Structures are given as C-alpha cells and as structure tokens.
C-alpha cells in the first residue's frame, strides 16, 4: 500500500496518491489498524476519481460518499470480524446453506432477494426479519421474500456455539455470499461486524418495481453510494431470479392496453412465458441458465429476451447498454463487478459498534 502511494505521487496521478493516503490513514485511525479493503479503493479511484471529471455531478457525489460515508461504514466492519469471538461462525453458515442448496437450488435467488430488500431499507440491519403487525416483512414488495426458516436454523446453531455474538444482519450477508458461490458465482470475502436494527416499519419500504425506468433504478443505487456499473451488476443477480407471472403478464398479453404483447420482447419468449404461466405462478428471469450464476442474463436481454420490463430496458437505454454489452461479453468482469457492488451495498448505513443489538432470535427484538 505504501509503495502504491509513492508510485502514484511520482506519476501524473498526483491526486490519486493523496487520495490513497487520505483513505488509508483515516481507515487506520478509525479501525485500529485494520487495512481498508484495497479492492474498494481501487474501484472508486478507477471509476469515479478521474481529475478531469470528478467535479461533474455524479462523480463529485461519489467523492463525498467515499470521503464521508464509506470510511464510517467500514470503520468497524472487517473481514474475519468473528475470528476470535466465534471462529466457526462462517463455517456454520456455509454448511447450512450448502445443505439447503442441495435440496432447493433456488435458495440463491431467495437469499439475494432477502439481502437486497433488507439493505435497501435503512441499511443491512436484518429489520426485514422481524415478525410483527407493521414490520417491513408485511410490506407488499416483501410478500415474496422467503427462506426465513433457513436464517432461523443458522441463528440457532450460532447461538448454541457462540451466544449473543453473531448478528442476524451478518447471517443474511454471509448466507447470501455462500449461496452465490454454490450457484457457480464468485466466492469472495466480505466484511462483517454489522449489528441488528431495533426498528422495523413497513412504511419505510420503498423498493423498485418491475416497470421502473432505468434512470429511476440507477438513481436508487446512486443514492446509496453506488454507481451505474454497480446498479447493472446487482440487477444481473436476476440471472438466478424468479418472477411472479403477474409482474409481466401485460407484456405477454396486452401491453399498455394495446391487445398485443410488448413489441420489445422476442415473440418466441412471449409464447414460452404464456405456456409457463398457464401452469405455474412464476417464471425464470434468465431463460437460458436459470439456476446458474453467470452472465447469460445479459446475453438474453441483448436478444430481447428480458422477462421484466426494467431488465429489458437495461439493454437499450443509453445509460446502461454499454455496460450490459461488457458484462455479456466478459463473464469474469461481470463477476468481479458484482462482488464489488455487493461489498459496497453491504456497507451502506450499517449499524456497528454499540449501535443496534445482537438479536438472540432473528424474528424479534431483544
């Protein structure tokens, strides 16, 4: 890290050298000398901090996010947070997720959905798991979230091994990470140390719907400190997703009241989805490899085979079509970007230190 700073200071990237020093120094101060995840620094410098562009709206916003939000969020999140307090924690999570995946491979899609829906409402604090009359779980968009029982089983084993130590928020994060790897996706390290929230209100739930515009979807992500590459990568998780037929029924029957299907959808896909939805309530969002975490989703939407309207729009909107093409042409690049996006999403607005609590039961506050 030190030599990287020196090299940058000695080159034309003078600004980046000082940026490295700022981030690294602040991280050491805030986190008891635990190194700041370098892939996060690299990603932000490469994509967001070109001196000739950084004062333009979105880039400057990203600068503020990095300087003021990310160092705080990462201050007490670190890879291996439980290495001393509960060294078997990640192994317990991984083993139970593997067992579930062996029986129900769609667990990957379910956990990705749970993680996203939790993190996008007041941060990754497991508030989605709370059982109560007006909790987040009761909000309309969360009606299709499942695998709460898997989280319960993981929590029970962790409580038996290390009472009141591992948060429900970290369980969801780790379980999601492990399920992605089992489906053929990237295996990666992710910082832990999140704490569980003490508030869960269905009125706080505002999540993007299947017909949202691309600009609207991207704005939701940028408001969380992410960029367009992150937004498209995270939507790429639809490669293992399932969609309720009601979310796209108009596209295959009477699009916008025309009496005809959506002209932007491949006619062969229209026929296939009609047949699927006659016999099932759901359909795969990636018709090519529905249980495999890969870049086939992006290849499909470039062929007008996006099931959800927002997915199809990614391939044609000027803001995202170039990114879609890059992900479609390079599976390894997509997976790297996905990991970076997951790390970022998992660090925004989290509770750490003495904030929040460590629930003994993920379904209720202590």
Foldseek 3Di string as FASTA:
>chain_A
DVVVLVVCCPDPNVVLSVVVVLLQVLLCVLAVHDGDPVVLSVVLCVPQPDPVPCVPPLSVLLVCCSNPFQSVLCSQWDFCNCCPQFVCLLVLLLVLLVVVCVVPLLVLQLLLVVQVQCQLQLGLALQCQADDDFFLCPAPVNVPRDPSVSLQVSLVVCCVRRNFDAASSVSSLSNNLSSQVVQVADRDTAIDFFHHAADGGNVRGDDDALQDALVVQQVSLSVQSDHLLLSLLSVLSLLQHKDFCVSQVCQLAPPVNNRHHNPLADVVLSVVSVVVVVPDRIDRQQPPRNSHRWLSSLVCLCVRHGRGNNSVNQCPDPVRVVSSVVRNVDGVVSSSSNVSSSNSSNRGSTDHDPPHGGDSGSHHHD
